[in-house]
Amino acid sequence: KAALTQTSIGIPVEGGRPVLGTWQGL
């Protein structure tokens, strides 16, 4: 299951905040 998903995620930061969509969570 770990091989099918991911162990690293890159997220842009703008205005001192992670740039996530309205309904996105980590």
mmCIF file of all heavy atoms, coordinates in Angstrom:
data_MODEL
# 
_entry.id   MODEL 
# 
loop_
_atom_site.group_PDB 
_atom_site.id 
_atom_site.type_symbol 
_atom_site.label_atom_id 
_atom_site.label_alt_id 
_atom_site.label_comp_id 
_atom_site.label_asym_id 
_atom_site.label_entity_id 
_atom_site.label_seq_id 
_atom_site.pdbx_PDB_ins_code 
_atom_site.Cartn_x 
_atom_site.Cartn_y 
_atom_site.Cartn_z 
_atom_site.occupancy 
_atom_site.B_iso_or_equiv 
_atom_site.pdbx_formal_charge 
_atom_site.auth_seq_id 
_atom_site.auth_comp_id 
_atom_site.auth_asym_id 
_atom_site.auth_atom_id 
_atom_site.pdbx_PDB_model_num 
ATOM 1   N N   . LYS A 1 1  ? 0.830   -1.212 0.000  1.00 0.00 ? 1  LYS A N   1 
ATOM 2   C CA  . LYS A 1 1  ? 0.000   0.000  0.000  1.00 0.00 ? 1  LYS A CA  1 
ATOM 3   C C   . LYS A 1 1  ? 0.861   1.258  0.000  1.00 0.00 ? 1  LYS A C   1 
ATOM 4   O O   . LYS A 1 1  ? 0.556   2.231  -0.698 1.00 0.00 ? 1  LYS A O   1 
ATOM 5   C CB  . LYS A 1 1  ? -0.937  -0.001 1.209  1.00 0.00 ? 1  LYS A CB  1 
ATOM 6   C CG  . LYS A 1 1  ? -2.013  -1.055 1.133  1.00 0.00 ? 1  LYS A CG  1 
ATOM 7   C CD  . LYS A 1 1  ? -2.771  -1.164 2.452  1.00 0.00 ? 1  LYS A CD  1 
ATOM 8   C CE  . LYS A 1 1  ? -3.737  -2.332 2.434  1.00 0.00 ? 1  LYS A CE  1 
ATOM 9   N NZ  . LYS A 1 1  ? -4.384  -2.534 3.739  1.00 0.00 ? 1  LYS A NZ  1 
ATOM 10  N N   . ALA A 1 2  ? 1.960   1.239  0.769  1.00 0.00 ? 2  ALA A N   1 
ATOM 11  C CA  . ALA A 1 2  ? 2.864   2.391  0.794  1.00 0.00 ? 2  ALA A CA  1 
ATOM 12  C C   . ALA A 1 2  ? 3.522   2.585  -0.574 1.00 0.00 ? 2  ALA A C   1 
ATOM 13  O O   . ALA A 1 2  ? 3.718   3.719  -1.018 1.00 0.00 ? 2  ALA A O   1 
ATOM 14  C CB  . ALA A 1 2  ? 3.920   2.226  1.880  1.00 0.00 ? 2  ALA A CB  1 
ATOM 15  N N   . ALA A 1 3  ? 3.850   1.480  -1.254 1.00 0.00 ? 3  ALA A N   1 
ATOM 16  C CA  . ALA A 1 3  ? 4.465   1.577  -2.580 1.00 0.00 ? 3  ALA A CA  1 
ATOM 17  C C   . ALA A 1 3  ? 3.489   2.142  -3.610 1.00 0.00 ? 3  ALA A C   1 
ATOM 18  O O   . ALA A 1 3  ? 3.904   2.789  -4.574 1.00 0.00 ? 3  ALA A O   1 
ATOM 19  C CB  . ALA A 1 3  ? 4.960   0.207  -3.027 1.00 0.00 ? 3  ALA A CB  1 
ATOM 20  N N   . LEU A 1 4  ? 2.201   1.919  -3.414 1.00 0.00 ? 4  LEU A N   1 
ATOM 21  C CA  . LEU A 1 4  ? 1.185   2.405  -4.349 1.00 0.00 ? 4  LEU A CA  1 
ATOM 22  C C   . LEU A 1 4  ? 0.798   3.867  -4.113 1.00 0.00 ? 4  LEU A C   1 
ATOM 23  O O   . LEU A 1 4  ? 0.153   4.478  -4.957 1.00 0.00 ? 4  LEU A O   1 
ATOM 24  C CB  . LEU A 1 4  ? -0.077  1.542  -4.258 1.00 0.00 ? 4  LEU A CB  1 
ATOM 25  C CG  . LEU A 1 4  ? 0.080   0.102  -4.736 1.00 0.00 ? 4  LEU A CG  1 
ATOM 26  C CD1 . LEU A 1 4  ? -1.180  -0.692 -4.409 1.00 0.00 ? 4  LEU A CD1 1 
ATOM 27  C CD2 . LEU A 1 4  ? 0.394   0.059  -6.216 1.00 0.00 ? 4  LEU A CD2 1 
ATOM 28  N N   . THR A 1 5  ? 1.164   4.395  -2.971 1.00 0.00 ? 5  THR A N   1 
ATOM 29  C CA  . THR A 1 5  ? 0.815   5.784  -2.651 1.00 0.00 ? 5  THR A CA  1 
ATOM 30  C C   . THR A 1 5  ? 2.104   6.613  -2.702 1.00 0.00 ? 5  THR A C   1 
ATOM 31  O O   . THR A 1 5  ? 2.845   6.527  -3.659 1.00 0.00 ? 5  THR A O   1 
ATOM 32  C CB  . THR A 1 5  ? 0.073   5.849  -1.312 1.00 0.00 ? 5  THR A CB  1 
ATOM 33  O OG1 . THR A 1 5  ? 0.821   5.142  -0.311 1.00 0.00 ? 5  THR A OG1 1 
ATOM 34  C CG2 . THR A 1 5  ? -1.310  5.236  -1.421 1.00 0.00 ? 5  THR A CG2 1 
ATOM 35  N N   . GLN A 1 6  ? 2.378   7.426  -1.702 1.00 0.00 ? 6  GLN A N   1 
ATOM 36  C CA  . GLN A 1 6  ? 3.580   8.260  -1.741 1.00 0.00 ? 6  GLN A CA  1 
ATOM 37  C C   . GLN A 1 6  ? 4.128   8.490  -0.343 1.00 0.00 ? 6  GLN A C   1 
ATOM 38  O O   . GLN A 1 6  ? 3.385   8.474  0.636  1.00 0.00 ? 6  GLN A O   1 
ATOM 39  C CB  . GLN A 1 6  ? 3.279   9.595  -2.422 1.00 0.00 ? 6  GLN A CB  1 
ATOM 40  C CG  . GLN A 1 6  ? 2.122   10.332 -1.806 1.00 0.00 ? 6  GLN A CG  1 
ATOM 41  C CD  . GLN A 1 6  ? 1.500   11.332 -2.754 1.00 0.00 ? 6  GLN A CD  1 
ATOM 42  O OE1 . GLN A 1 6  ? 2.040   11.629 -3.787 1.00 0.00 ? 6  GLN A OE1 1 
ATOM 43  N NE2 . GLN A 1 6  ? 0.350   11.861 -2.379 1.00 0.00 ? 6  GLN A NE2 1 
ATOM 44  N N   . THR A 1 7  ? 5.434   8.688  -0.274 1.00 0.00 ? 7  THR A N   1 
ATOM 45  C CA  . THR A 1 7  ? 6.069   8.997  1.003  1.00 0.00 ? 7  THR A CA  1 
ATOM 46  C C   . THR A 1 7  ? 6.599   10.428 1.033  1.00 0.00 ? 7  THR A C   1 
ATOM 47  O O   . THR A 1 7  ? 7.129   10.857 2.044  1.00 0.00 ? 7  THR A O   1 
ATOM 48  C CB  . THR A 1 7  ? 7.216   8.016  1.316  1.00 0.00 ? 7  THR A CB  1 
ATOM 49  O OG1 . THR A 1 7  ? 8.151   8.045  0.234  1.00 0.00 ? 7  THR A OG1 1 
ATOM 50  C CG2 . THR A 1 7  ? 6.676   6.603  1.504  1.00 0.00 ? 7  THR A CG2 1 
ATOM 51  N N   . SER A 1 8  ? 6.458   11.171 -0.064 1.00 0.00 ? 8  SER A N   1 
ATOM 52  C CA  . SER A 1 8  ? 6.915   12.548 -0.122 1.00 0.00 ? 8  SER A CA  1 
ATOM 53  C C   . SER A 1 8  ? 5.933   13.375 -0.947 1.00 0.00 ? 8  SER A C   1 
ATOM 54  O O   . SER A 1 8  ? 5.480   12.937 -2.001 1.00 0.00 ? 8  SER A O   1 
ATOM 55  C CB  . SER A 1 8  ? 8.308   12.601 -0.759 1.00 0.00 ? 8  SER A CB  1 
ATOM 56  O OG  . SER A 1 8  ? 8.790   13.915 -0.781 1.00 0.00 ? 8  SER A OG  1 
ATOM 57  N N   . ILE A 1 9  ? 5.641   14.577 -0.442 1.00 0.00 ? 9  ILE A N   1 
ATOM 58  C CA  . ILE A 1 9  ? 4.722   15.490 -1.123 1.00 0.00 ? 9  ILE A CA  1 
ATOM 59  C C   . ILE A 1 9  ? 5.360   16.873 -1.143 1.00 0.00 ? 9  ILE A C   1 
ATOM 60  O O   . ILE A 1 9  ? 5.864   17.342 -0.115 1.00 0.00 ? 9  ILE A O   1 
ATOM 61  C CB  . ILE A 1 9  ? 3.359   15.568 -0.384 1.00 0.00 ? 9  ILE A CB  1 
ATOM 62  C CG1 . ILE A 1 9  ? 2.663   14.211 -0.382 1.00 0.00 ? 9  ILE A CG1 1 
ATOM 63  C CG2 . ILE A 1 9  ? 2.465   16.633 -0.997 1.00 0.00 ? 9  ILE A CG2 1 
ATOM 64  C CD1 . ILE A 1 9  ? 1.405   14.166 0.472  1.00 0.00 ? 9  ILE A CD1 1 
ATOM 65  N N   . GLY A 1 10 ? 5.338   17.533 -2.288 1.00 0.00 ? 10 GLY A N   1 
ATOM 66  C CA  . GLY A 1 10 ? 5.786   18.909 -2.399 1.00 0.00 ? 10 GLY A CA  1 
ATOM 67  C C   . GLY A 1 10 ? 4.591   19.845 -2.454 1.00 0.00 ? 10 GLY A C   1 
ATOM 68  O O   . GLY A 1 10 ? 3.657   19.608 -3.219 1.00 0.00 ? 10 GLY A O   1 
ATOM 69  N N   . ILE A 1 11 ? 4.626   20.893 -1.633 1.00 0.00 ? 11 ILE A N   1 
ATOM 70  C CA  . ILE A 1 11 ? 3.513   21.845 -1.561 1.00 0.00 ? 11 ILE A CA  1 
ATOM 71  C C   . ILE A 1 11 ? 4.075   23.265 -1.685 1.00 0.00 ? 11 ILE A C   1 
ATOM 72  O O   . ILE A 1 11 ? 4.943   23.655 -0.894 1.00 0.00 ? 11 ILE A O   1 
ATOM 73  C CB  . ILE A 1 11 ? 2.745   21.711 -0.227 1.00 0.00 ? 11 ILE A CB  1 
ATOM 74  C CG1 . ILE A 1 11 ? 2.214   20.294 -0.068 1.00 0.00 ? 11 ILE A CG1 1 
ATOM 75  C CG2 . ILE A 1 11 ? 1.612   22.729 -0.142 1.00 0.00 ? 11 ILE A CG2 1 
ATOM 76  C CD1 . ILE A 1 11 ? 1.722   19.982 1.317  1.00 0.00 ? 11 ILE A CD1 1 
ATOM 77  N N   . PRO A 1 12 ? 3.589   24.049 -2.640 1.00 0.00 ? 12 PRO A N   1 
ATOM 78  C CA  . PRO A 1 12 ? 4.038   25.443 -2.730 1.00 0.00 ? 12 PRO A CA  1 
ATOM 79  C C   . PRO A 1 12 ? 3.592   26.233 -1.500 1.00 0.00 ? 12 PRO A C   1 
ATOM 80  O O   . PRO A 1 12 ? 2.557   25.921 -0.883 1.00 0.00 ? 12 PRO A O   1 
ATOM 81  C CB  . PRO A 1 12 ? 3.340   25.977 -3.976 1.00 0.00 ? 12 PRO A CB  1 
ATOM 82  C CG  . PRO A 1 12 ? 2.634   24.842 -4.601 1.00 0.00 ? 12 PRO A CG  1 
ATOM 83  C CD  . PRO A 1 12 ? 2.604   23.706 -3.652 1.00 0.00 ? 12 PRO A CD  1 
ATOM 84  N N   . VAL A 1 13 ? 4.381   27.237 -1.167 1.00 0.00 ? 13 VAL A N   1 
ATOM 85  C CA  . VAL A 1 13 ? 4.043   28.156 -0.078 1.00 0.00 ? 13 VAL A CA  1 
ATOM 86  C C   . VAL A 1 13 ? 3.989   29.557 -0.670 1.00 0.00 ? 13 VAL A C   1 
ATOM 87  O O   . VAL A 1 13 ? 4.903   29.977 -1.374 1.00 0.00 ? 13 VAL A O   1 
ATOM 88  C CB  . VAL A 1 13 ? 5.083   28.080 1.060  1.00 0.00 ? 13 VAL A CB  1 
ATOM 89  C CG1 . VAL A 1 13 ? 4.872   29.202 2.072  1.00 0.00 ? 13 VAL A CG1 1 
ATOM 90  C CG2 . VAL A 1 13 ? 5.022   26.715 1.731  1.00 0.00 ? 13 VAL A CG2 1 
ATOM 91  N N   . GLU A 1 14 ? 2.891   30.247 -0.396 1.00 0.00 ? 14 GLU A N   1 
ATOM 92  C CA  . GLU A 1 14 ? 2.700   31.617 -0.879 1.00 0.00 ? 14 GLU A CA  1 
ATOM 93  C C   . GLU A 1 14 ? 2.021   32.416 0.228  1.00 0.00 ? 14 GLU A C   1 
ATOM 94  O O   . GLU A 1 14 ? 1.084   31.924 0.868  1.00 0.00 ? 14 GLU A O   1 
ATOM 95  C CB  . GLU A 1 14 ? 1.830   31.608 -2.138 1.00 0.00 ? 14 GLU A CB  1 
ATOM 96  C CG  . GLU A 1 14 ? 1.612   32.971 -2.730 1.00 0.00 ? 14 GLU A CG  1 
ATOM 97  C CD  . GLU A 1 14 ? 0.764   32.901 -3.983 1.00 0.00 ? 14 GLU A CD  1 
ATOM 98  O OE1 . GLU A 1 14 ? -0.295  32.215 -3.959 1.00 0.00 ? 14 GLU A OE1 1 
ATOM 99  O OE2 . GLU A 1 14 ? 1.135   33.533 -4.968 1.00 0.00 ? 14 GLU A OE2 1 
ATOM 100 N N   . GLY A 1 15 ? 2.492   33.610 0.461  1.00 0.00 ? 15 GLY A N   1 
ATOM 101 C CA  . GLY A 1 15 ? 1.904   34.442 1.511  1.00 0.00 ? 15 GLY A CA  1 
ATOM 102 C C   . GLY A 1 15 ? 2.043   33.828 2.890  1.00 0.00 ? 15 GLY A C   1 
ATOM 103 O O   . GLY A 1 15 ? 1.208   34.066 3.759  1.00 0.00 ? 15 GLY A O   1 
ATOM 104 N N   . GLY A 1 16 ? 3.079   33.033 3.097  1.00 0.00 ? 16 GLY A N   1 
ATOM 105 C CA  . GLY A 1 16 ? 3.310   32.416 4.397  1.00 0.00 ? 16 GLY A CA  1 
ATOM 106 C C   . GLY A 1 16 ? 2.366   31.281 4.727  1.00 0.00 ? 16 GLY A C   1 
ATOM 107 O O   . GLY A 1 16 ? 2.243   30.900 5.889  1.00 0.00 ? 16 GLY A O   1 
ATOM 108 N N   . ARG A 1 17 ? 1.702   30.731 3.686  1.00 0.00 ? 17 ARG A N   1 
ATOM 109 C CA  . ARG A 1 17 ? 0.741   29.639 3.914  1.00 0.00 ? 17 ARG A CA  1 
ATOM 110 C C   . ARG A 1 17 ? 0.934   28.545 2.862  1.00 0.00 ? 17 ARG A C   1 
ATOM 111 O O   . ARG A 1 17 ? 1.208   28.852 1.697  1.00 0.00 ? 17 ARG A O   1 
ATOM 112 C CB  . ARG A 1 17 ? -0.696  30.142 3.829  1.00 0.00 ? 17 ARG A CB  1 
ATOM 113 C CG  . ARG A 1 17 ? -1.058  31.180 4.882  1.00 0.00 ? 17 ARG A CG  1 
ATOM 114 C CD  . ARG A 1 17 ? -2.499  31.669 4.770  1.00 0.00 ? 17 ARG A CD  1 
ATOM 115 N NE  . ARG A 1 17 ? -3.479  30.623 4.632  1.00 0.00 ? 17 ARG A NE  1 
ATOM 116 C CZ  . ARG A 1 17 ? -4.071  29.963 5.640  1.00 0.00 ? 17 ARG A CZ  1 
ATOM 117 N NH1 . ARG A 1 17 ? -3.746  30.259 6.871  1.00 0.00 ? 17 ARG A NH1 1 
ATOM 118 N NH2 . ARG A 1 17 ? -4.973  29.049 5.402  1.00 0.00 ? 17 ARG A NH2 1 
ATOM 119 N N   . PRO A 1 18 ? 0.736   27.292 3.243  1.00 0.00 ? 18 PRO A N   1 
ATOM 120 C CA  . PRO A 1 18 ? 0.755   26.231 2.230  1.00 0.00 ? 18 PRO A CA  1 
ATOM 121 C C   . PRO A 1 18 ? -0.375  26.455 1.234  1.00 0.00 ? 18 PRO A C   1 
ATOM 122 O O   . PRO A 1 18 ? -1.490  26.818 1.618  1.00 0.00 ? 18 PRO A O   1 
ATOM 123 C CB  . PRO A 1 18 ? 0.500   24.949 3.023  1.00 0.00 ? 18 PRO A CB  1 
ATOM 124 C CG  . PRO A 1 18 ? 0.666   25.302 4.452  1.00 0.00 ? 18 PRO A CG  1 
ATOM 125 C CD  . PRO A 1 18 ? 0.464   26.775 4.578  1.00 0.00 ? 18 PRO A CD  1 
ATOM 126 N N   . VAL A 1 19 ? -0.104  26.278 -0.045 1.00 0.00 ? 19 VAL A N   1 
ATOM 127 C CA  . VAL A 1 19 ? -1.113  26.491 -1.083 1.00 0.00 ? 19 VAL A CA  1 
ATOM 128 C C   . VAL A 1 19 ? -1.879  25.181 -1.261 1.00 0.00 ? 19 VAL A C   1 
ATOM 129 O O   . VAL A 1 19 ? -1.506  24.326 -2.058 1.00 0.00 ? 19 VAL A O   1 
ATOM 130 C CB  . VAL A 1 19 ? -0.477  26.952 -2.416 1.00 0.00 ? 19 VAL A CB  1 
ATOM 131 C CG1 . VAL A 1 19 ? -1.556  27.164 -3.469 1.00 0.00 ? 19 VAL A CG1 1 
ATOM 132 C CG2 . VAL A 1 19 ? 0.333   28.228 -2.211 1.00 0.00 ? 19 VAL A CG2 1 
ATOM 133 N N   . LEU A 1 20 ? -2.928  25.038 -0.472 1.00 0.00 ? 20 LEU A N   1 
ATOM 134 C CA  . LEU A 1 20 ? -3.814  23.875 -0.542 1.00 0.00 ? 20 LEU A CA  1 
ATOM 135 C C   . LEU A 1 20 ? -5.181  24.334 -1.025 1.00 0.00 ? 20 LEU A C   1 
ATOM 136 O O   . LEU A 1 20 ? -5.593  25.469 -0.764 1.00 0.00 ? 20 LEU A O   1 
ATOM 137 C CB  . LEU A 1 20 ? -3.957  23.200 0.828  1.00 0.00 ? 20 LEU A CB  1 
ATOM 138 C CG  . LEU A 1 20 ? -2.695  22.536 1.377  1.00 0.00 ? 20 LEU A CG  1 
ATOM 139 C CD1 . LEU A 1 20 ? -2.894  22.170 2.845  1.00 0.00 ? 20 LEU A CD1 1 
ATOM 140 C CD2 . LEU A 1 20 ? -2.332  21.310 0.560  1.00 0.00 ? 20 LEU A CD2 1 
ATOM 141 N N   . GLY A 1 21 ? -5.881  23.446 -1.715 1.00 0.00 ? 21 GLY A N   1 
ATOM 142 C CA  . GLY A 1 21 ? -7.232  23.747 -2.156 1.00 0.00 ? 21 GLY A CA  1 
ATOM 143 C C   . GLY A 1 21 ? -8.188  23.832 -0.977 1.00 0.00 ? 21 GLY A C   1 
ATOM 144 O O   . GLY A 1 21 ? -7.884  23.386 0.137  1.00 0.00 ? 21 GLY A O   1 
ATOM 145 N N   . THR A 1 22 ? -9.361  24.355 -1.220 1.00 0.00 ? 22 THR A N   1 
ATOM 146 C CA  . THR A 1 22 ? -10.359 24.576 -0.174 1.00 0.00 ? 22 THR A CA  1 
ATOM 147 C C   . THR A 1 22 ? -10.637 23.339 0.660  1.00 0.00 ? 22 THR A C   1 
ATOM 148 O O   . THR A 1 22 ? -10.735 23.411 1.878  1.00 0.00 ? 22 THR A O   1 
ATOM 149 C CB  . THR A 1 22 ? -11.685 25.066 -0.814 1.00 0.00 ? 22 THR A CB  1 
ATOM 150 O OG1 . THR A 1 22 ? -11.411 26.252 -1.550 1.00 0.00 ? 22 THR A OG1 1 
ATOM 151 C CG2 . THR A 1 22 ? -12.737 25.330 0.244  1.00 0.00 ? 22 THR A CG2 1 
ATOM 152 N N   . TRP A 1 23 ? -10.749 22.180 0.036  1.00 0.00 ? 23 TRP A N   1 
ATOM 153 C CA  . TRP A 1 23 ? -11.115 20.956 0.745  1.00 0.00 ? 23 TRP A CA  1 
ATOM 154 C C   . TRP A 1 23 ? -9.948  19.983 0.893  1.00 0.00 ? 23 TRP A C   1 
ATOM 155 O O   . TRP A 1 23 ? -10.142 18.837 1.237  1.00 0.00 ? 23 TRP A O   1 
ATOM 156 C CB  . TRP A 1 23 ? -12.280 20.264 0.055  1.00 0.00 ? 23 TRP A CB  1 
ATOM 157 C CG  . TRP A 1 23 ? -13.436 21.177 -0.173 1.00 0.00 ? 23 TRP A CG  1 
ATOM 158 C CD1 . TRP A 1 23 ? -13.950 21.567 -1.373 1.00 0.00 ? 23 TRP A CD1 1 
ATOM 159 C CD2 . TRP A 1 23 ? -14.211 21.852 0.820  1.00 0.00 ? 23 TRP A CD2 1 
ATOM 160 N NE1 . TRP A 1 23 ? -14.986 22.440 -1.197 1.00 0.00 ? 23 TRP A NE1 1 
ATOM 161 C CE2 . TRP A 1 23 ? -15.176 22.638 0.151  1.00 0.00 ? 23 TRP A CE2 1 
ATOM 162 C CE3 . TRP A 1 23 ? -14.181 21.888 2.214  1.00 0.00 ? 23 TRP A CE3 1 
ATOM 163 C CZ2 . TRP A 1 23 ? -16.094 23.430 0.813  1.00 0.00 ? 23 TRP A CZ2 1 
ATOM 164 C CZ3 . TRP A 1 23 ? -15.097 22.682 2.878  1.00 0.00 ? 23 TRP A CZ3 1 
ATOM 165 C CH2 . TRP A 1 23 ? -16.044 23.433 2.182  1.00 0.00 ? 23 TRP A CH2 1 
ATOM 166 N N   . GLN A 1 24 ? -8.722  20.450 0.611  1.00 0.00 ? 24 GLN A N   1 
ATOM 167 C CA  . GLN A 1 24 ? -7.571  19.556 0.705  1.00 0.00 ? 24 GLN A CA  1 
ATOM 168 C C   . GLN A 1 24 ? -6.985  19.546 2.102  1.00 0.00 ? 24 GLN A C   1 
ATOM 169 O O   . GLN A 1 24 ? -6.824  20.589 2.733  1.00 0.00 ? 24 GLN A O   1 
ATOM 170 C CB  . GLN A 1 24 ? -6.472  19.971 -0.285 1.00 0.00 ? 24 GLN A CB  1 
ATOM 171 C CG  . GLN A 1 24 ? -6.791  19.646 -1.715 1.00 0.00 ? 24 GLN A CG  1 
ATOM 172 C CD  . GLN A 1 24 ? -5.646  20.006 -2.637 1.00 0.00 ? 24 GLN A CD  1 
ATOM 173 O OE1 . GLN A 1 24 ? -4.997  21.037 -2.476 1.00 0.00 ? 24 GLN A OE1 1 
ATOM 174 N NE2 . GLN A 1 24 ? -5.411  19.146 -3.611 1.00 0.00 ? 24 GLN A NE2 1 
ATOM 175 N N   . GLY A 1 25 ? -6.641  18.347 2.558  1.00 0.00 ? 25 GLY A N   1 
ATOM 176 C CA  . GLY A 1 25 ? -5.942  18.169 3.820  1.00 0.00 ? 25 GLY A CA  1 
ATOM 177 C C   . GLY A 1 25 ? -4.789  17.207 3.632  1.00 0.00 ? 25 GLY A C   1 
ATOM 178 O O   . GLY A 1 25 ? -4.767  16.420 2.685  1.00 0.00 ? 25 GLY A O   1 
ATOM 179 N N   . LEU A 1 26 ? -3.840  17.265 4.549  1.00 0.00 ? 26 LEU A N   1 
ATOM 180 C CA  . LEU A 1 26 ? -2.702  16.354 4.548  1.00 0.00 ? 26 LEU A CA  1 
ATOM 181 C C   . LEU A 1 26 ? -2.958  15.232 5.543  1.00 0.00 ? 26 LEU A C   1 
ATOM 182 O O   . LEU A 1 26 ? -3.348  15.494 6.692  1.00 0.00 ? 26 LEU A O   1 
ATOM 183 C CB  . LEU A 1 26 ? -1.429  17.098 4.937  1.00 0.00 ? 26 LEU A CB  1 
ATOM 184 C CG  . LEU A 1 26 ? -0.936  18.085 3.905  1.00 0.00 ? 26 LEU A CG  1 
ATOM 185 C CD1 . LEU A 1 26 ? 0.052   19.058 4.521  1.00 0.00 ? 26 LEU A CD1 1 
ATOM 186 C CD2 . LEU A 1 26 ? -0.298  17.338 2.755  1.00 0.00 ? 26 LEU A CD2 1 
# 
